Amino acid sequence: MSLQSILKNIYSFIEVLQSCRSDAVKGWDEQALSNAFKWAKYCEQISSQALGKHYEASLDNQIRKMRQIPLALGEVEPNLQLCSNACPVLRQALLQNPYLPDSLFATILTTYYPESPDTLDSILEECYTISAPKSGLQLALCDKESMTSHSVAIATNDKTDIPQEAIVTQGIILAQHLSRVCRESSRRERTEKYTREKLDEIYAAPEGMIIILEALIASDDPEEVSASQHSSSSRLILNWLLQKCDPGIGNKVWQCNPKMLSEVARRYHTFYQVYVAHLDLWGNNMVPVYGGHFTDGFTWRIKSSPDSSHNFEGFFTHIEHMVKSSDNVKEHFIKHIEDEAKQSEVNAWRTVQKYRQRDSLM
């Protein structure tokens, strides 16, 4: 099983754990309870298999990255230690929930305790702990949820490289979370404010922008759709992104993978327009310099940026991915290259056009 699949499954347990701490358990039946403990046992199995293995620390690190998503878990932290104690943590969360039906309360005590507990006193002690008046428990639970639902822990100083599959997974999880927020919220202004704040916090993380772009890609069907057909969550993410990015050379958005940028441009025409404006600014601000292996005796260098990544090779890579996009985007962008190449006798777009024609990709 791939790392991406494992992380998705662990997040499924975390979602179950969040439900266990809310009034959602009012609608649970025996089957829902059984499914919850199956997820918990899965996590314990994964933790046991990872123990002492070379990938143990890496897996723990990827689970901890889930803290970038708003989680209503109180003091519980997503990590491999949580996975190793998944059943006890789940059991405690359920037994302390005042909304848990009495029938399921009894089932947990009779079915989901270890077959040979150390002593009967351990069960009695836990029962005593959760036997406070339901009104008091309910008030405490609501207060705790209110606080935890408005906090996100982001390890901004963690410079550990994140595998691409883990970033994709985090993007999918973020998309699912914001989609759920949009579905369940009845107040548009509050939803928009919440989304902006959460995206701002994730943006501050080392791989935050990439995760947000992955979420935007995951928010809609792969086929091209009109603006009115985009999901509410995708429109909120897109509006946030458009406010963050401008065509300027130094913008953080344009430092992301060109393949990812072209994929977002393919799906969202408004982003396509900003992206093309950025490429125009890049291409039209390059001047020819002697040397280089890309052209006949000279290459191109941007005259306004000391950043070595803004060279002709980088520019060419961005264009390659746009040209390899869907037929609709490809057709429009190739026409754009042709129009820009006609603007003067010597410009970077002419060189692009020459090399694309040579490679038979235009």
Protein backbone atom coordinates (compact mmCIF):
# COMPACT_ATOMS: atom_id res chain seq x y z
CA MET A 1 0.00 0.00 0.00
CA SER A 2 1.31 3.44 -0.92
CA LEU A 3 2.14 6.18 1.58
CA GLN A 4 -0.66 8.28 0.10
CA SER A 5 -3.22 5.52 0.76
CA ILE A 6 -1.98 5.02 4.32
CA LEU A 7 -2.19 8.74 5.09
CA LYS A 8 -5.69 8.93 3.65
CA ASN A 9 -6.80 6.02 5.82
CA ILE A 10 -5.24 7.51 8.94
CA TYR A 11 -7.00 10.78 8.21
CA SER A 12 -10.26 8.83 7.89
CA PHE A 13 -9.74 7.66 11.48
CA ILE A 14 -9.03 11.25 12.57
CA GLU A 15 -12.30 12.34 10.97
CA VAL A 16 -14.07 9.55 12.88
CA LEU A 17 -12.35 10.72 16.07
CA GLN A 18 -13.62 14.25 15.47
CA SER A 19 -17.15 12.92 15.03
CA CYS A 20 -16.78 11.03 18.31
CA ARG A 21 -16.34 14.35 20.10
CA SER A 22 -19.45 15.98 18.60
CA ASP A 23 -23.21 15.50 18.61
CA ALA A 24 -22.86 13.43 15.42
CA VAL A 25 -22.79 10.28 17.58
CA LYS A 26 -26.49 10.79 18.32
CA GLY A 27 -27.20 9.18 14.96
CA TRP A 28 -24.76 6.29 15.35
CA ASP A 29 -25.83 2.65 15.44
CA GLU A 30 -23.96 -0.59 16.15
CA GLN A 31 -22.57 -0.70 12.61
CA ALA A 32 -21.19 2.84 12.80
CA LEU A 33 -19.56 1.98 16.12
CA SER A 34 -18.03 -1.17 14.64
CA ASN A 35 -16.68 0.78 11.64
CA ALA A 36 -15.11 3.35 13.96
CA PHE A 37 -13.20 0.69 15.87
CA LYS A 38 -12.13 -0.96 12.61
CA TRP A 39 -10.44 2.33 11.62
CA ALA A 40 -8.82 2.50 15.05
CA LYS A 41 -7.51 -1.07 14.78
CA TYR A 42 -6.18 -0.29 11.30
CA CYS A 43 -4.16 2.62 12.70
CA GLU A 44 -2.80 0.43 15.52
CA GLN A 45 -1.77 -2.16 12.93
CA ILE A 46 0.03 0.46 10.82
CA SER A 47 1.82 1.76 13.93
CA SER A 48 2.87 -1.75 14.93
CA GLN A 49 4.21 -2.50 11.44
CA ALA A 50 6.20 0.76 11.38
CA LEU A 51 7.79 0.19 14.79
CA GLY A 52 11.56 0.03 14.43
CA LYS A 53 11.43 0.29 10.62
CA HIS A 54 13.52 2.77 8.63
CA TYR A 55 10.40 4.71 7.61
CA GLU A 56 8.96 5.08 11.12
CA ALA A 57 10.17 8.66 11.67
CA SER A 58 9.13 9.72 8.17
CA LEU A 59 5.62 8.32 8.61
CA ASP A 60 5.30 10.04 12.00
CA ASN A 61 6.37 13.34 10.41
CA GLN A 62 3.76 13.06 7.64
CA ILE A 63 0.97 12.34 10.13
CA ARG A 64 2.03 15.38 12.18
CA LYS A 65 1.68 17.52 9.04
CA MET A 66 -2.06 16.94 9.28
CA ARG A 67 -2.04 19.61 11.98
CA GLN A 68 -2.05 22.08 9.10
CA ILE A 69 -5.70 21.16 8.62
CA PRO A 70 -8.14 22.57 11.19
CA LEU A 71 -8.88 19.65 13.54
CA ALA A 72 -11.29 19.60 16.46
CA LEU A 73 -9.37 17.09 18.56
CA GLY A 74 -8.78 19.07 21.75
CA GLU A 75 -5.47 18.04 23.29
CA VAL A 76 -5.07 15.02 21.00
CA GLU A 77 -2.27 15.46 18.47
CA PRO A 78 -2.11 13.55 15.16
CA ASN A 79 1.07 11.45 15.23
CA LEU A 80 2.20 7.84 15.20
CA GLN A 81 1.76 7.63 18.97
CA LEU A 82 -1.93 8.41 18.49
CA CYS A 83 -2.14 5.57 15.98
CA SER A 84 -0.57 3.14 18.44
CA ASN A 85 -3.26 4.02 21.03
CA ALA A 86 -6.11 4.51 18.58
CA CYS A 87 -8.61 2.15 20.26
CA PRO A 88 -8.20 3.53 23.82
CA VAL A 89 -8.34 7.13 22.53
CA LEU A 90 -11.46 6.38 20.50
CA ARG A 91 -13.07 4.58 23.43
CA GLN A 92 -12.40 7.43 25.83
CA ALA A 93 -13.70 10.05 23.38
CA LEU A 94 -16.95 8.13 22.96
CA LEU A 95 -17.49 7.39 26.63
CA GLN A 96 -16.93 11.03 27.54
CA ASN A 97 -19.42 12.26 24.93
CA PRO A 98 -22.77 13.15 26.54
CA TYR A 99 -24.52 12.58 23.20
CA LEU A 100 -23.56 8.89 23.00
CA PRO A 101 -26.70 6.71 23.07
CA ASP A 102 -26.98 4.54 26.19
CA SER A 103 -27.11 1.37 24.10
CA LEU A 104 -23.74 2.14 22.52
CA PHE A 105 -22.33 3.10 25.91
CA ALA A 106 -23.14 -0.42 27.12
CA THR A 107 -21.77 -1.99 23.94
CA ILE A 108 -18.42 -0.23 24.35
CA LEU A 109 -18.08 -1.42 27.95
CA THR A 110 -18.96 -5.01 27.08
CA THR A 111 -17.37 -5.38 23.62
CA TYR A 112 -14.59 -2.89 23.01
CA TYR A 113 -12.43 -3.30 26.08
CA PRO A 114 -9.37 -5.60 26.05
CA GLU A 115 -10.35 -9.21 26.61
CA SER A 116 -8.22 -9.37 29.75
CA PRO A 117 -8.11 -5.99 31.46
CA ASP A 118 -5.58 -5.62 34.24
CA THR A 119 -8.32 -5.27 36.82
CA LEU A 120 -12.00 -4.56 36.96
CA ASP A 121 -11.05 -1.40 38.83
CA SER A 122 -9.71 0.15 35.59
CA ILE A 123 -13.16 -0.04 33.99
CA LEU A 124 -14.90 1.20 37.13
CA GLU A 125 -12.46 4.09 37.42
CA GLU A 126 -13.09 5.18 33.83
CA CYS A 127 -16.85 4.89 34.36
CA TYR A 128 -16.54 7.11 37.42
CA THR A 129 -14.52 9.66 35.47
CA ILE A 130 -17.23 10.04 32.84
CA SER A 131 -20.17 9.94 35.25
CA ALA A 132 -20.32 13.72 35.79
CA PRO A 133 -23.68 15.39 35.02
CA LYS A 134 -24.33 15.43 31.29
CA SER A 135 -25.03 19.15 31.33
CA GLY A 136 -21.58 19.86 32.70
CA LEU A 137 -19.94 17.53 30.21
CA GLN A 138 -21.89 19.05 27.35
CA LEU A 139 -20.86 22.60 28.33
CA ALA A 140 -17.21 21.59 28.65
CA LEU A 141 -17.32 19.77 25.33
CA CYS A 142 -18.86 22.74 23.51
CA ASP A 143 -16.31 25.15 25.01
CA LYS A 144 -13.45 22.88 24.01
CA GLU A 145 -14.73 22.42 20.46
CA SER A 146 -15.19 26.17 20.12
CA MET A 147 -11.58 26.79 21.04
CA THR A 148 -9.98 23.95 19.08
CA SER A 149 -11.97 24.59 15.92
CA HIS A 150 -10.39 28.08 15.67
CA SER A 151 -6.79 27.00 16.08
CA VAL A 152 -4.35 25.39 13.67
CA ALA A 153 -0.82 24.37 14.57
CA ILE A 154 1.59 24.91 11.70
CA ALA A 155 5.24 24.02 12.11
CA THR A 156 6.64 26.99 10.19
CA ASN A 157 10.19 26.20 11.26
CA ASP A 158 10.08 22.61 10.02
CA LYS A 159 12.27 22.52 6.93
CA THR A 160 11.99 18.75 6.35
CA ASP A 161 11.29 17.95 2.72
CA ILE A 162 7.80 16.56 2.23
CA PRO A 163 7.37 13.77 -0.35
CA GLN A 164 5.18 14.79 -3.29
CA GLU A 165 2.59 12.10 -2.57
CA ALA A 166 2.21 13.44 0.98
CA ILE A 167 1.70 16.98 -0.35
CA VAL A 168 -0.97 15.73 -2.75
CA THR A 169 -2.70 13.94 0.13
CA GLN A 170 -2.64 17.07 2.30
CA GLY A 171 -4.12 19.04 -0.58
CA ILE A 172 -6.93 16.50 -0.99
CA ILE A 173 -7.60 16.55 2.75
CA LEU A 174 -7.73 20.36 2.73
CA ALA A 175 -10.15 20.32 -0.22
CA GLN A 176 -12.39 17.82 1.56
CA HIS A 177 -12.35 19.86 4.74
CA LEU A 178 -13.25 23.16 3.06
CA SER A 179 -15.93 21.43 1.00
CA ARG A 180 -17.48 20.12 4.20
CA VAL A 181 -17.31 23.57 5.78
CA CYS A 182 -19.12 25.08 2.78
CA ARG A 183 -21.82 22.40 2.86
CA GLU A 184 -22.49 22.65 6.57
CA SER A 185 -22.26 26.43 7.02
CA SER A 186 -25.38 28.55 6.61
CA ARG A 187 -23.59 31.90 6.81
CA ARG A 188 -21.63 32.85 3.69
CA GLU A 189 -19.62 35.68 5.26
CA ARG A 190 -18.47 33.49 8.14
CA THR A 191 -17.51 30.70 5.73
CA GLU A 192 -15.49 33.10 3.56
CA LYS A 193 -13.72 34.57 6.59
CA TYR A 194 -12.92 31.12 7.97
CA THR A 195 -11.57 29.96 4.59
CA ARG A 196 -9.35 33.05 4.17
CA GLU A 197 -7.90 32.68 7.66
CA LYS A 198 -7.15 28.98 7.25
CA LEU A 199 -5.56 29.44 3.83
CA ASP A 200 -3.44 32.30 5.19
CA GLU A 201 -2.17 30.05 7.98
CA ILE A 202 -1.38 27.17 5.63
CA TYR A 203 0.27 29.61 3.19
CA ALA A 204 2.76 30.50 5.94
CA ALA A 205 4.05 26.90 6.05
CA PRO A 206 7.10 25.94 3.94
CA GLU A 207 5.03 23.91 1.44
CA GLY A 208 1.81 25.81 2.08
CA MET A 209 1.27 27.28 -1.37
CA ILE A 210 1.79 23.91 -3.04
CA ILE A 211 -0.73 22.29 -0.69
CA ILE A 212 -3.27 25.02 -1.49
CA LEU A 213 -2.78 24.55 -5.24
CA GLU A 214 -3.25 20.80 -4.81
CA ALA A 215 -6.46 21.51 -2.89
CA LEU A 216 -7.67 23.73 -5.73
CA ILE A 217 -6.92 20.99 -8.26
CA ALA A 218 -8.73 18.42 -6.09
CA SER A 219 -11.80 20.64 -5.61
CA ASP A 220 -13.35 20.08 -9.03
CA ASP A 221 -13.87 17.44 -11.66
CA PRO A 222 -10.87 17.12 -14.00
CA GLU A 223 -12.94 18.12 -17.04
CA GLU A 224 -13.17 21.79 -17.94
CA VAL A 225 -16.23 23.39 -16.33
CA SER A 226 -17.70 26.86 -16.42
CA ALA A 227 -17.19 29.26 -13.54
CA SER A 228 -20.78 28.73 -12.34
CA GLN A 229 -20.18 24.98 -12.08
CA HIS A 230 -17.17 25.16 -9.80
CA SER A 231 -17.84 24.03 -6.25
CA SER A 232 -18.25 26.65 -3.52
CA SER A 233 -14.99 25.58 -1.89
CA SER A 234 -13.05 25.83 -5.15
CA ARG A 235 -14.37 29.36 -5.77
CA LEU A 236 -13.29 30.42 -2.29
CA ILE A 237 -9.80 28.95 -2.77
CA LEU A 238 -9.53 30.48 -6.25
CA ASN A 239 -10.61 33.94 -5.02
CA TRP A 240 -8.03 33.74 -2.25
CA LEU A 241 -5.34 32.68 -4.74
CA LEU A 242 -6.15 35.47 -7.19
CA GLN A 243 -5.77 38.00 -4.39
CA LYS A 244 -2.36 36.55 -3.53
CA CYS A 245 -0.89 36.36 -7.00
CA ASP A 246 0.02 39.13 -9.37
CA PRO A 247 2.05 38.83 -12.57
CA GLY A 248 5.18 40.10 -10.79
CA ILE A 249 8.33 38.05 -11.22
CA GLY A 250 9.01 37.58 -7.51
CA ASN A 251 5.54 36.35 -6.51
CA LYS A 252 5.58 33.17 -4.40
CA VAL A 253 2.92 31.51 -6.55
CA TRP A 254 5.16 31.37 -9.62
CA GLN A 255 7.85 29.50 -7.71
CA CYS A 256 5.65 26.40 -7.69
CA ASN A 257 6.01 23.49 -10.11
CA PRO A 258 5.17 24.60 -13.69
CA LYS A 259 3.22 21.38 -14.28
CA MET A 260 0.98 22.20 -11.31
CA LEU A 261 0.52 25.81 -12.44
CA SER A 262 -0.49 24.70 -15.94
CA GLU A 263 -2.98 22.25 -14.43
CA VAL A 264 -4.61 25.03 -12.38
CA ALA A 265 -4.61 27.27 -15.47
CA ARG A 266 -6.33 24.53 -17.45
CA ARG A 267 -9.16 24.29 -14.94
CA TYR A 268 -9.63 27.96 -14.06
CA HIS A 269 -9.69 30.59 -16.80
CA THR A 270 -9.19 33.53 -14.43
CA PHE A 271 -5.97 31.94 -13.16
CA TYR A 272 -4.95 31.22 -16.78
CA GLN A 273 -5.18 34.93 -17.53
CA VAL A 274 -2.97 35.93 -14.57
CA TYR A 275 -0.49 33.15 -15.36
CA VAL A 276 -0.19 34.24 -19.00
CA ALA A 277 0.27 37.84 -17.84
CA HIS A 278 3.15 36.63 -15.66
CA LEU A 279 4.73 34.77 -18.60
CA ASP A 280 4.30 37.88 -20.75
CA LEU A 281 6.11 39.97 -18.15
CA TRP A 282 8.85 37.36 -17.91
CA GLY A 283 9.30 36.94 -21.68
CA ASN A 284 9.11 40.62 -22.56
CA ASN A 285 11.67 41.56 -19.90
CA MET A 286 14.40 39.25 -21.21
CA VAL A 287 17.35 40.49 -23.21
CA PRO A 288 19.73 38.44 -25.37
CA VAL A 289 23.15 37.62 -23.94
CA TYR A 290 26.06 35.85 -25.59
CA GLY A 291 26.52 32.14 -24.84
CA GLY A 292 24.18 29.45 -23.60
CA HIS A 293 23.23 26.08 -25.01
CA PHE A 294 19.56 26.79 -25.78
CA THR A 295 19.96 28.96 -28.86
CA ASP A 296 22.43 29.60 -31.64
CA GLY A 297 25.23 31.39 -29.84
CA PHE A 298 23.12 33.37 -27.40
CA THR A 299 20.50 32.89 -24.71
CA TRP A 300 18.07 35.14 -22.86
CA ARG A 301 18.25 36.62 -19.39
CA ILE A 302 15.68 38.66 -17.55
CA LYS A 303 17.01 42.17 -17.02
CA SER A 304 15.14 43.03 -13.83
CA SER A 305 15.67 40.00 -11.59
CA PRO A 306 18.84 38.72 -9.92
CA ASP A 307 17.10 35.37 -9.33
CA SER A 308 18.89 32.80 -11.48
CA SER A 309 15.68 30.73 -11.79
CA HIS A 310 14.21 33.43 -14.02
CA ASN A 311 16.28 32.41 -17.01
CA PHE A 312 15.28 31.25 -20.47
CA GLU A 313 15.41 27.58 -19.46
CA GLY A 314 12.88 28.20 -16.70
CA PHE A 315 10.69 30.27 -19.00
CA PHE A 316 10.82 27.54 -21.62
CA THR A 317 9.80 24.89 -19.07
CA HIS A 318 6.69 26.85 -18.06
CA ILE A 319 5.70 27.22 -21.70
CA GLU A 320 6.29 23.51 -22.40
CA HIS A 321 3.77 22.53 -19.76
CA MET A 322 1.21 25.03 -21.04
CA VAL A 323 1.61 23.72 -24.58
CA LYS A 324 1.11 20.15 -23.33
CA SER A 325 -2.12 21.08 -21.54
CA SER A 326 -5.66 20.31 -22.75
CA ASP A 327 -6.49 21.03 -26.40
CA ASN A 328 -8.47 24.17 -25.57
CA VAL A 329 -5.69 25.75 -23.48
CA LYS A 330 -3.02 24.53 -25.90
CA GLU A 331 -4.75 26.12 -28.89
CA HIS A 332 -5.19 29.49 -27.19
CA PHE A 333 -1.69 29.55 -25.76
CA ILE A 334 0.02 28.61 -29.03
CA LYS A 335 -1.88 31.46 -30.67
CA HIS A 336 -0.62 33.71 -27.87
CA ILE A 337 2.99 32.65 -28.53
CA GLU A 338 2.56 33.45 -32.21
CA ASP A 339 1.10 36.88 -31.47
CA GLU A 340 3.88 37.76 -29.01
CA ALA A 341 6.56 36.59 -31.44
CA LYS A 342 5.27 39.09 -34.03
CA GLN A 343 5.74 42.06 -31.68
CA SER A 344 9.37 42.62 -32.69
CA GLU A 345 12.13 41.22 -34.89
CA VAL A 346 14.09 39.84 -31.94
CA ASN A 347 12.42 38.62 -28.77
CA ALA A 348 12.34 35.58 -26.51
CA TRP A 349 8.98 34.49 -27.88
CA ARG A 350 10.49 34.06 -31.34
CA THR A 351 13.13 31.79 -29.85
CA VAL A 352 10.42 29.81 -28.08
CA GLN A 353 8.47 29.52 -31.30
CA LYS A 354 11.55 28.33 -33.16
CA TYR A 355 12.33 25.58 -30.65
CA ARG A 356 8.72 24.45 -30.35
CA GLN A 357 8.48 24.13 -34.13
CA ARG A 358 11.78 22.25 -34.21
CA ASP A 359 10.47 19.80 -31.64
CA SER A 360 7.17 19.47 -33.54
CA LEU A 361 5.13 20.35 -30.48
CA MET A 362 3.39 23.31 -32.07
